[in-house]
Amino acid sequence: MEIVNIMKKNFPKGNIVFDYGYLLGHIALHTLTSPEKIMASMEAFMKGYGETDFKEETVKKIALGSMLYRLDSIVPYLVNLDFRSKKI
């Protein structure tokens, strides 16, 4: 909970909906090897962050888009996706 409070105060410097979605994508990427960890980590973040009025569809698009961007970059992740798999 404390880490979420620190992030809410210090991390958002622009669009808080983008920051929220980006962080959910970041959490998912770092827990890819375990579906249980993905859900538990994302749920813990959302619970710690508190209620929002963000549109769920927008947050999903941002999270997935940031994940695809990072998977296609120089950062090595344990997932190999071909071009077709990257389409949302």
PDB file of N, CA and C in Angstrom:
ATOM      1  N   MET A   1       0.826  -1.195   0.000  1.00  0.00           N
ATOM      2  CA  MET A   1       0.000   0.000   0.000  1.00  0.00           C
ATOM      3  C   MET A   1       0.868   1.256   0.000  1.00  0.00           C
ATOM      4  N   GLU A   2       1.952   1.241   0.776  1.00  0.00           N
ATOM      5  CA  GLU A   2       2.810   2.420   0.855  1.00  0.00           C
ATOM      6  C   GLU A   2       3.446   2.733  -0.489  1.00  0.00           C
ATOM      7  N   ILE A   3       3.873   1.706  -1.223  1.00  0.00           N
ATOM      8  CA  ILE A   3       4.482   1.934  -2.532  1.00  0.00           C
ATOM      9  C   ILE A   3       3.481   2.577  -3.494  1.00  0.00           C
ATOM     10  N   VAL A   4       2.220   2.184  -3.400  1.00  0.00           N
ATOM     11  CA  VAL A   4       1.201   2.785  -4.260  1.00  0.00           C
ATOM     12  C   VAL A   4       1.042   4.256  -3.918  1.00  0.00           C
ATOM     13  N   ASN A   5       1.033   4.599  -2.643  1.00  0.00           N
ATOM     14  CA  ASN A   5       0.910   6.004  -2.241  1.00  0.00           C
ATOM     15  C   ASN A   5       2.082   6.830  -2.743  1.00  0.00           C
ATOM     16  N   ILE A   6       3.280   6.270  -2.682  1.00  0.00           N
ATOM     17  CA  ILE A   6       4.455   6.970  -3.184  1.00  0.00           C
ATOM     18  C   ILE A   6       4.318   7.185  -4.682  1.00  0.00           C
ATOM     19  N   MET A   7       3.869   6.157  -5.400  1.00  0.00           N
ATOM     20  CA  MET A   7       3.712   6.248  -6.843  1.00  0.00           C
ATOM     21  C   MET A   7       2.651   7.276  -7.214  1.00  0.00           C
ATOM     22  N   LYS A   8       1.546   7.293  -6.493  1.00  0.00           N
ATOM     23  CA  LYS A   8       0.471   8.239  -6.807  1.00  0.00           C
ATOM     24  C   LYS A   8       0.942   9.676  -6.635  1.00  0.00           C
ATOM     25  N   LYS A   9       1.819   9.903  -5.667  1.00  0.00           N
ATOM     26  CA  LYS A   9       2.299  11.256  -5.412  1.00  0.00           C
ATOM     27  C   LYS A   9       3.425  11.661  -6.350  1.00  0.00           C
ATOM     28  N   ASN A  10       4.264  10.714  -6.756  1.00  0.00           N
ATOM     29  CA  ASN A  10       5.480  11.054  -7.473  1.00  0.00           C
ATOM     30  C   ASN A  10       5.512  10.640  -8.935  1.00  0.00           C
ATOM     31  N   PHE A  11       4.880   9.546  -9.298  1.00  0.00           N
ATOM     32  CA  PHE A  11       4.998   9.032 -10.659  1.00  0.00           C
ATOM     33  C   PHE A  11       4.210   9.826 -11.685  1.00  0.00           C
ATOM     34  N   PRO A  12       2.926  10.088 -11.441  1.00  0.00           N
ATOM     35  CA  PRO A  12       2.153  10.764 -12.489  1.00  0.00           C
ATOM     36  C   PRO A  12       2.666  12.171 -12.766  1.00  0.00           C
ATOM     37  N   LYS A  13       3.125  12.373 -13.971  1.00  0.00           N
ATOM     38  CA  LYS A  13       3.592  13.699 -14.373  1.00  0.00           C
ATOM     39  C   LYS A  13       2.823  14.179 -15.594  1.00  0.00           C
ATOM     40  N   GLY A  14       1.956  13.340 -16.103  1.00  0.00           N
ATOM     41  CA  GLY A  14       1.204  13.702 -17.289  1.00  0.00           C
ATOM     42  C   GLY A  14      -0.211  13.193 -17.173  1.00  0.00           C
ATOM     43  N   ASN A  15      -0.541  12.239 -17.995  1.00  0.00           N
ATOM     44  CA  ASN A  15      -1.884  11.679 -18.042  1.00  0.00           C
ATOM     45  C   ASN A  15      -1.982  10.518 -17.060  1.00  0.00           C
ATOM     46  N   ILE A  16      -2.753  10.684 -15.987  1.00  0.00           N
ATOM     47  CA  ILE A  16      -2.797   9.650 -14.952  1.00  0.00           C
ATOM     48  C   ILE A  16      -3.457   8.361 -15.436  1.00  0.00           C
ATOM     49  N   VAL A  17      -4.349   8.441 -16.416  1.00  0.00           N
ATOM     50  CA  VAL A  17      -4.945   7.220 -16.972  1.00  0.00           C
ATOM     51  C   VAL A  17      -3.867   6.435 -17.713  1.00  0.00           C
ATOM     52  N   PHE A  18      -3.024   7.141 -18.466  1.00  0.00           N
ATOM     53  CA  PHE A  18      -1.920   6.476 -19.153  1.00  0.00           C
ATOM     54  C   PHE A  18      -0.975   5.838 -18.135  1.00  0.00           C
ATOM     55  N   ASP A  19      -0.608   6.582 -17.099  1.00  0.00           N
ATOM     56  CA  ASP A  19       0.308   6.066 -16.083  1.00  0.00           C
ATOM     57  C   ASP A  19      -0.246   4.798 -15.450  1.00  0.00           C
ATOM     58  N   TYR A  20      -1.515   4.805 -15.133  1.00  0.00           N
ATOM     59  CA  TYR A  20      -2.185   3.658 -14.508  1.00  0.00           C
ATOM     60  C   TYR A  20      -2.142   2.448 -15.443  1.00  0.00           C
ATOM     61  N   GLY A  21      -2.535   2.645 -16.694  1.00  0.00           N
ATOM     62  CA  GLY A  21      -2.526   1.554 -17.668  1.00  0.00           C
ATOM     63  C   GLY A  21      -1.126   1.056 -17.948  1.00  0.00           C
ATOM     64  N   TYR A  22      -0.171   1.982 -18.070  1.00  0.00           N
ATOM     65  CA  TYR A  22       1.219   1.611 -18.323  1.00  0.00           C
ATOM     66  C   TYR A  22       1.753   0.750 -17.179  1.00  0.00           C
ATOM     67  N   LEU A  23       1.461   1.143 -15.950  1.00  0.00           N
ATOM     68  CA  LEU A  23       1.939   0.375 -14.801  1.00  0.00           C
ATOM     69  C   LEU A  23       1.297  -1.007 -14.740  1.00  0.00           C
ATOM     70  N   LEU A  24       0.030  -1.126 -15.110  1.00  0.00           N
ATOM     71  CA  LEU A  24      -0.585  -2.452 -15.160  1.00  0.00           C
ATOM     72  C   LEU A  24       0.103  -3.322 -16.212  1.00  0.00           C
ATOM     73  N   GLY A  25       0.427  -2.745 -17.357  1.00  0.00           N
ATOM     74  CA  GLY A  25       1.164  -3.481 -18.377  1.00  0.00           C
ATOM     75  C   GLY A  25       2.545  -3.884 -17.880  1.00  0.00           C
ATOM     76  N   HIS A  26       3.196  -2.992 -17.172  1.00  0.00           N
ATOM     77  CA  HIS A  26       4.513  -3.261 -16.608  1.00  0.00           C
ATOM     78  C   HIS A  26       4.444  -4.429 -15.617  1.00  0.00           C
ATOM     79  N   ILE A  27       3.449  -4.408 -14.766  1.00  0.00           N
ATOM     80  CA  ILE A  27       3.265  -5.487 -13.792  1.00  0.00           C
ATOM     81  C   ILE A  27       3.046  -6.812 -14.516  1.00  0.00           C
ATOM     82  N   ALA A  28       2.210  -6.803 -15.533  1.00  0.00           N
ATOM     83  CA  ALA A  28       1.931  -8.028 -16.285  1.00  0.00           C
ATOM     84  C   ALA A  28       3.204  -8.576 -16.930  1.00  0.00           C
ATOM     85  N   LEU A  29       4.013  -7.717 -17.517  1.00  0.00           N
ATOM     86  CA  LEU A  29       5.247  -8.173 -18.163  1.00  0.00           C
ATOM     87  C   LEU A  29       6.204  -8.832 -17.185  1.00  0.00           C
ATOM     88  N   HIS A  30       6.258  -8.308 -15.995  1.00  0.00           N
ATOM     89  CA  HIS A  30       7.207  -8.831 -15.024  1.00  0.00           C
ATOM     90  C   HIS A  30       6.675 -10.031 -14.252  1.00  0.00           C
ATOM     91  N   THR A  31       5.484 -10.464 -14.582  1.00  0.00           N
ATOM     92  CA  THR A  31       4.932 -11.666 -13.960  1.00  0.00           C
ATOM     93  C   THR A  31       4.433 -12.651 -15.015  1.00  0.00           C
ATOM     94  N   LEU A  32       4.918 -12.512 -16.244  1.00  0.00           N
ATOM     95  CA  LEU A  32       4.449 -13.329 -17.376  1.00  0.00           C
ATOM     96  C   LEU A  32       4.570 -14.830 -17.167  1.00  0.00           C
ATOM     97  N   THR A  33       5.541 -15.250 -16.409  1.00  0.00           N
ATOM     98  CA  THR A  33       5.759 -16.688 -16.260  1.00  0.00           C
ATOM     99  C   THR A  33       4.745 -17.358 -15.348  1.00  0.00           C
ATOM    100  N   SER A  34       3.890 -16.587 -14.704  1.00  0.00           N
ATOM    101  CA  SER A  34       2.906 -17.162 -13.791  1.00  0.00           C
ATOM    102  C   SER A  34       1.571 -16.425 -13.888  1.00  0.00           C
ATOM    103  N   PRO A  35       0.569 -17.047 -14.538  1.00  0.00           N
ATOM    104  CA  PRO A  35      -0.748 -16.398 -14.634  1.00  0.00           C
ATOM    105  C   PRO A  35      -1.331 -16.016 -13.272  1.00  0.00           C
ATOM    106  N   GLU A  36      -1.059 -16.826 -12.256  1.00  0.00           N
ATOM    107  CA  GLU A  36      -1.573 -16.504 -10.921  1.00  0.00           C
ATOM    108  C   GLU A  36      -0.932 -15.219 -10.394  1.00  0.00           C
ATOM    109  N   LYS A  37       0.367 -15.082 -10.637  1.00  0.00           N
ATOM    110  CA  LYS A  37       1.061 -13.874 -10.185  1.00  0.00           C
ATOM    111  C   LYS A  37       0.586 -12.649 -10.946  1.00  0.00           C
ATOM    112  N   ILE A  38       0.292 -12.820 -12.232  1.00  0.00           N
ATOM    113  CA  ILE A  38      -0.191 -11.679 -13.014  1.00  0.00           C
ATOM    114  C   ILE A  38      -1.457 -11.129 -12.364  1.00  0.00           C
ATOM    115  N   MET A  39      -2.439 -11.981 -12.163  1.00  0.00           N
ATOM    116  CA  MET A  39      -3.715 -11.519 -11.610  1.00  0.00           C
ATOM    117  C   MET A  39      -3.566 -10.997 -10.190  1.00  0.00           C
ATOM    118  N   ALA A  40      -2.827 -11.719  -9.361  1.00  0.00           N
ATOM    119  CA  ALA A  40      -2.668 -11.295  -7.970  1.00  0.00           C
ATOM    120  C   ALA A  40      -1.960  -9.942  -7.892  1.00  0.00           C
ATOM    121  N   SER A  41      -0.926  -9.770  -8.700  1.00  0.00           N
ATOM    122  CA  SER A  41      -0.164  -8.518  -8.674  1.00  0.00           C
ATOM    123  C   SER A  41      -0.990  -7.352  -9.200  1.00  0.00           C
ATOM    124  N   MET A  42      -1.711  -7.583 -10.293  1.00  0.00           N
ATOM    125  CA  MET A  42      -2.531  -6.514 -10.854  1.00  0.00           C
ATOM    126  C   MET A  42      -3.676  -6.153  -9.904  1.00  0.00           C
ATOM    127  N   GLU A  43      -4.308  -7.154  -9.319  1.00  0.00           N
ATOM    128  CA  GLU A  43      -5.390  -6.883  -8.370  1.00  0.00           C
ATOM    129  C   GLU A  43      -4.875  -6.136  -7.146  1.00  0.00           C
ATOM    130  N   ALA A  44      -3.684  -6.505  -6.656  1.00  0.00           N
ATOM    131  CA  ALA A  44      -3.106  -5.814  -5.499  1.00  0.00           C
ATOM    132  C   ALA A  44      -2.816  -4.355  -5.837  1.00  0.00           C
ATOM    133  N   PHE A  45      -2.286  -4.111  -7.037  1.00  0.00           N
ATOM    134  CA  PHE A  45      -2.019  -2.737  -7.450  1.00  0.00           C
ATOM    135  C   PHE A  45      -3.317  -1.935  -7.526  1.00  0.00           C
ATOM    136  N   MET A  46      -4.341  -2.507  -8.187  1.00  0.00           N
ATOM    137  CA  MET A  46      -5.602  -1.780  -8.341  1.00  0.00           C
ATOM    138  C   MET A  46      -6.270  -1.529  -6.993  1.00  0.00           C
ATOM    139  N   LYS A  47      -6.199  -2.500  -6.104  1.00  0.00           N
ATOM    140  CA  LYS A  47      -6.787  -2.324  -4.771  1.00  0.00           C
ATOM    141  C   LYS A  47      -6.031  -1.240  -4.000  1.00  0.00           C
ATOM    142  N   GLY A  48      -4.710  -1.288  -4.068  1.00  0.00           N
ATOM    143  CA  GLY A  48      -3.903  -0.293  -3.374  1.00  0.00           C
ATOM    144  C   GLY A  48      -4.075   1.099  -3.941  1.00  0.00           C
ATOM    145  N   TYR A  49      -4.282   1.182  -5.253  1.00  0.00           N
ATOM    146  CA  TYR A  49      -4.459   2.480  -5.909  1.00  0.00           C
ATOM    147  C   TYR A  49      -5.775   3.115  -5.487  1.00  0.00           C
ATOM    148  N   GLY A  50      -6.785   2.296  -5.292  1.00  0.00           N
ATOM    149  CA  GLY A  50      -8.089   2.801  -4.880  1.00  0.00           C
ATOM    150  C   GLY A  50      -9.029   2.985  -6.058  1.00  0.00           C
ATOM    151  N   GLU A  51     -10.206   3.431  -5.757  1.00  0.00           N
ATOM    152  CA  GLU A  51     -11.246   3.627  -6.780  1.00  0.00           C
ATOM    153  C   GLU A  51     -10.809   4.662  -7.809  1.00  0.00           C
ATOM    154  N   THR A  52     -11.135   4.380  -9.055  1.00  0.00           N
ATOM    155  CA  THR A  52     -10.873   5.341 -10.125  1.00  0.00           C
ATOM    156  C   THR A  52     -12.134   5.474 -10.966  1.00  0.00           C
ATOM    157  N   ASP A  53     -12.154   6.503 -11.766  1.00  0.00           N
ATOM    158  CA  ASP A  53     -13.251   6.651 -12.720  1.00  0.00           C
ATOM    159  C   ASP A  53     -12.735   6.454 -14.144  1.00  0.00           C
ATOM    160  N   PHE A  54     -11.588   5.770 -14.258  1.00  0.00           N
ATOM    161  CA  PHE A  54     -11.002   5.509 -15.563  1.00  0.00           C
ATOM    162  C   PHE A  54     -11.873   4.531 -16.340  1.00  0.00           C
ATOM    163  N   LYS A  55     -11.983   4.741 -17.639  1.00  0.00           N
ATOM    164  CA  LYS A  55     -12.733   3.809 -18.485  1.00  0.00           C
ATOM    165  C   LYS A  55     -11.912   2.536 -18.642  1.00  0.00           C
ATOM    166  N   GLU A  56     -12.537   1.402 -18.315  1.00  0.00           N
ATOM    167  CA  GLU A  56     -11.844   0.122 -18.343  1.00  0.00           C
ATOM    168  C   GLU A  56     -11.249  -0.181 -19.718  1.00  0.00           C
ATOM    169  N   GLU A  57     -11.993   0.103 -20.769  1.00  0.00           N
ATOM    170  CA  GLU A  57     -11.527  -0.162 -22.127  1.00  0.00           C
ATOM    171  C   GLU A  57     -10.270   0.648 -22.447  1.00  0.00           C
ATOM    172  N   THR A  58     -10.223   1.883 -22.007  1.00  0.00           N
ATOM    173  CA  THR A  58      -9.063   2.734 -22.236  1.00  0.00           C
ATOM    174  C   THR A  58      -7.842   2.190 -21.499  1.00  0.00           C
ATOM    175  N   VAL A  59      -8.030   1.814 -20.243  1.00  0.00           N
ATOM    176  CA  VAL A  59      -6.930   1.271 -19.444  1.00  0.00           C
ATOM    177  C   VAL A  59      -6.397  -0.014 -20.082  1.00  0.00           C
ATOM    178  N   LYS A  60      -7.291  -0.884 -20.544  1.00  0.00           N
ATOM    179  CA  LYS A  60      -6.866  -2.127 -21.194  1.00  0.00           C
ATOM    180  C   LYS A  60      -6.036  -1.847 -22.438  1.00  0.00           C
ATOM    181  N   LYS A  61      -6.489  -0.911 -23.257  1.00  0.00           N
ATOM    182  CA  LYS A  61      -5.758  -0.577 -24.488  1.00  0.00           C
ATOM    183  C   LYS A  61      -4.370  -0.023 -24.171  1.00  0.00           C
ATOM    184  N   ILE A  62      -4.286   0.809 -23.171  1.00  0.00           N
ATOM    185  CA  ILE A  62      -2.988   1.377 -22.788  1.00  0.00           C
ATOM    186  C   ILE A  62      -2.067   0.289 -22.259  1.00  0.00           C
ATOM    187  N   ALA A  63      -2.589  -0.565 -21.379  1.00  0.00           N
ATOM    188  CA  ALA A  63      -1.773  -1.646 -20.811  1.00  0.00           C
ATOM    189  C   ALA A  63      -1.277  -2.582 -21.907  1.00  0.00           C
ATOM    190  N   LEU A  64      -2.183  -3.017 -22.784  1.00  0.00           N
ATOM    191  CA  LEU A  64      -1.786  -3.925 -23.864  1.00  0.00           C
ATOM    192  C   LEU A  64      -0.845  -3.248 -24.855  1.00  0.00           C
ATOM    193  N   GLY A  65      -1.116  -2.010 -25.178  1.00  0.00           N
ATOM    194  CA  GLY A  65      -0.251  -1.285 -26.105  1.00  0.00           C
ATOM    195  C   GLY A  65       1.153  -1.101 -25.555  1.00  0.00           C
ATOM    196  N   SER A  66       1.251  -0.771 -24.281  1.00  0.00           N
ATOM    197  CA  SER A  66       2.581  -0.599 -23.691  1.00  0.00           C
ATOM    198  C   SER A  66       3.316  -1.930 -23.607  1.00  0.00           C
ATOM    199  N   MET A  67       2.579  -3.005 -23.364  1.00  0.00           N
ATOM    200  CA  MET A  67       3.206  -4.336 -23.339  1.00  0.00           C
ATOM    201  C   MET A  67       3.739  -4.706 -24.721  1.00  0.00           C
ATOM    202  N   LEU A  68       2.940  -4.495 -25.746  1.00  0.00           N
ATOM    203  CA  LEU A  68       3.389  -4.813 -27.104  1.00  0.00           C
ATOM    204  C   LEU A  68       4.594  -3.974 -27.506  1.00  0.00           C
ATOM    205  N   TYR A  69       4.571  -2.704 -27.147  1.00  0.00           N
ATOM    206  CA  TYR A  69       5.699  -1.830 -27.448  1.00  0.00           C
ATOM    207  C   TYR A  69       6.973  -2.354 -26.794  1.00  0.00           C
ATOM    208  N   ARG A  70       6.869  -2.723 -25.539  1.00  0.00           N
ATOM    209  CA  ARG A  70       8.042  -3.185 -24.808  1.00  0.00           C
ATOM    210  C   ARG A  70       8.497  -4.559 -25.281  1.00  0.00           C
ATOM    211  N   LEU A  71       7.570  -5.422 -25.659  1.00  0.00           N
ATOM    212  CA  LEU A  71       7.954  -6.739 -26.175  1.00  0.00           C
ATOM    213  C   LEU A  71       8.668  -6.625 -27.517  1.00  0.00           C
ATOM    214  N   ASP A  72       8.386  -5.576 -28.241  1.00  0.00           N
ATOM    215  CA  ASP A  72       8.991  -5.380 -29.559  1.00  0.00           C
ATOM    216  C   ASP A  72      10.260  -4.531 -29.483  1.00  0.00           C
ATOM    217  N   SER A  73      10.697  -4.200 -28.277  1.00  0.00           N
ATOM    218  CA  SER A  73      11.864  -3.339 -28.127  1.00  0.00           C
ATOM    219  C   SER A  73      13.102  -4.170 -27.796  1.00  0.00           C
ATOM    220  N   ILE A  74      14.143  -3.491 -27.360  1.00  0.00           N
ATOM    221  CA  ILE A  74      15.394  -4.173 -27.051  1.00  0.00           C
ATOM    222  C   ILE A  74      15.386  -4.830 -25.676  1.00  0.00           C
ATOM    223  N   VAL A  75      14.368  -4.581 -24.882  1.00  0.00           N
ATOM    224  CA  VAL A  75      14.290  -5.186 -23.560  1.00  0.00           C
ATOM    225  C   VAL A  75      13.992  -6.674 -23.720  1.00  0.00           C
ATOM    226  N   PRO A  76      14.860  -7.548 -23.209  1.00  0.00           N
ATOM    227  CA  PRO A  76      14.623  -8.989 -23.396  1.00  0.00           C
ATOM    228  C   PRO A  76      13.597  -9.538 -22.401  1.00  0.00           C
ATOM    229  N   TYR A  77      12.505 -10.055 -22.928  1.00  0.00           N
ATOM    230  CA  TYR A  77      11.507 -10.731 -22.108  1.00  0.00           C
ATOM    231  C   TYR A  77      11.472 -12.192 -22.522  1.00  0.00           C
ATOM    232  N   LEU A  78      10.914 -13.020 -21.695  1.00  0.00           N
ATOM    233  CA  LEU A  78      10.905 -14.453 -21.933  1.00  0.00           C
ATOM    234  C   LEU A  78       9.838 -14.900 -22.916  1.00  0.00           C
ATOM    235  N   VAL A  79       9.286 -13.995 -23.678  1.00  0.00           N
ATOM    236  CA  VAL A  79       8.209 -14.326 -24.596  1.00  0.00           C
ATOM    237  C   VAL A  79       8.620 -13.952 -26.009  1.00  0.00           C
ATOM    238  N   ASN A  80       8.499 -14.900 -26.917  1.00  0.00           N
ATOM    239  CA  ASN A  80       8.739 -14.623 -28.331  1.00  0.00           C
ATOM    240  C   ASN A  80       7.393 -14.537 -29.032  1.00  0.00           C
ATOM    241  N   LEU A  81       7.104 -13.392 -29.587  1.00  0.00           N
ATOM    242  CA  LEU A  81       5.855 -13.203 -30.309  1.00  0.00           C
ATOM    243  C   LEU A  81       6.170 -12.922 -31.766  1.00  0.00           C
ATOM    244  N   ASP A  82       5.477 -13.609 -32.650  1.00  0.00           N
ATOM    245  CA  ASP A  82       5.632 -13.273 -34.052  1.00  0.00           C
ATOM    246  C   ASP A  82       4.710 -12.091 -34.369  1.00  0.00           C
ATOM    247  N   PHE A  83       4.832 -11.547 -35.564  1.00  0.00           N
ATOM    248  CA  PHE A  83       4.083 -10.354 -35.931  1.00  0.00           C
ATOM    249  C   PHE A  83       2.579 -10.556 -35.772  1.00  0.00           C
ATOM    250  N   ARG A  84       2.054 -11.703 -36.166  1.00  0.00           N
ATOM    251  CA  ARG A  84       0.618 -11.975 -36.043  1.00  0.00           C
ATOM    252  C   ARG A  84       0.137 -11.987 -34.599  1.00  0.00           C
ATOM    253  N   SER A  85       0.944 -12.538 -33.716  1.00  0.00           N
ATOM    254  CA  SER A  85       0.572 -12.631 -32.297  1.00  0.00           C
ATOM    255  C   SER A  85       0.479 -11.277 -31.628  1.00  0.00           C
ATOM    256  N   LYS A  86       1.132 -10.277 -32.195  1.00  0.00           N
ATOM    257  CA  LYS A  86       1.160  -8.958 -31.577  1.00  0.00           C
ATOM    258  C   LYS A  86      -0.090  -8.141 -31.880  1.00  0.00           C
ATOM    259  N   LYS A  87      -0.924  -8.609 -32.785  1.00  0.00           N
ATOM    260  CA  LYS A  87      -2.145  -7.872 -33.101  1.00  0.00           C
ATOM    261  C   LYS A  87      -3.149  -8.032 -31.971  1.00  0.00           C
ATOM    262  N   ILE A  88      -3.772  -6.938 -31.589  1.00  0.00           N
ATOM    263  CA  ILE A  88      -4.766  -6.973 -30.512  1.00  0.00           C
ATOM    264  C   ILE A  88      -6.134  -7.131 -31.126  1.00  0.00           C
TER     265      ILE A  88
END
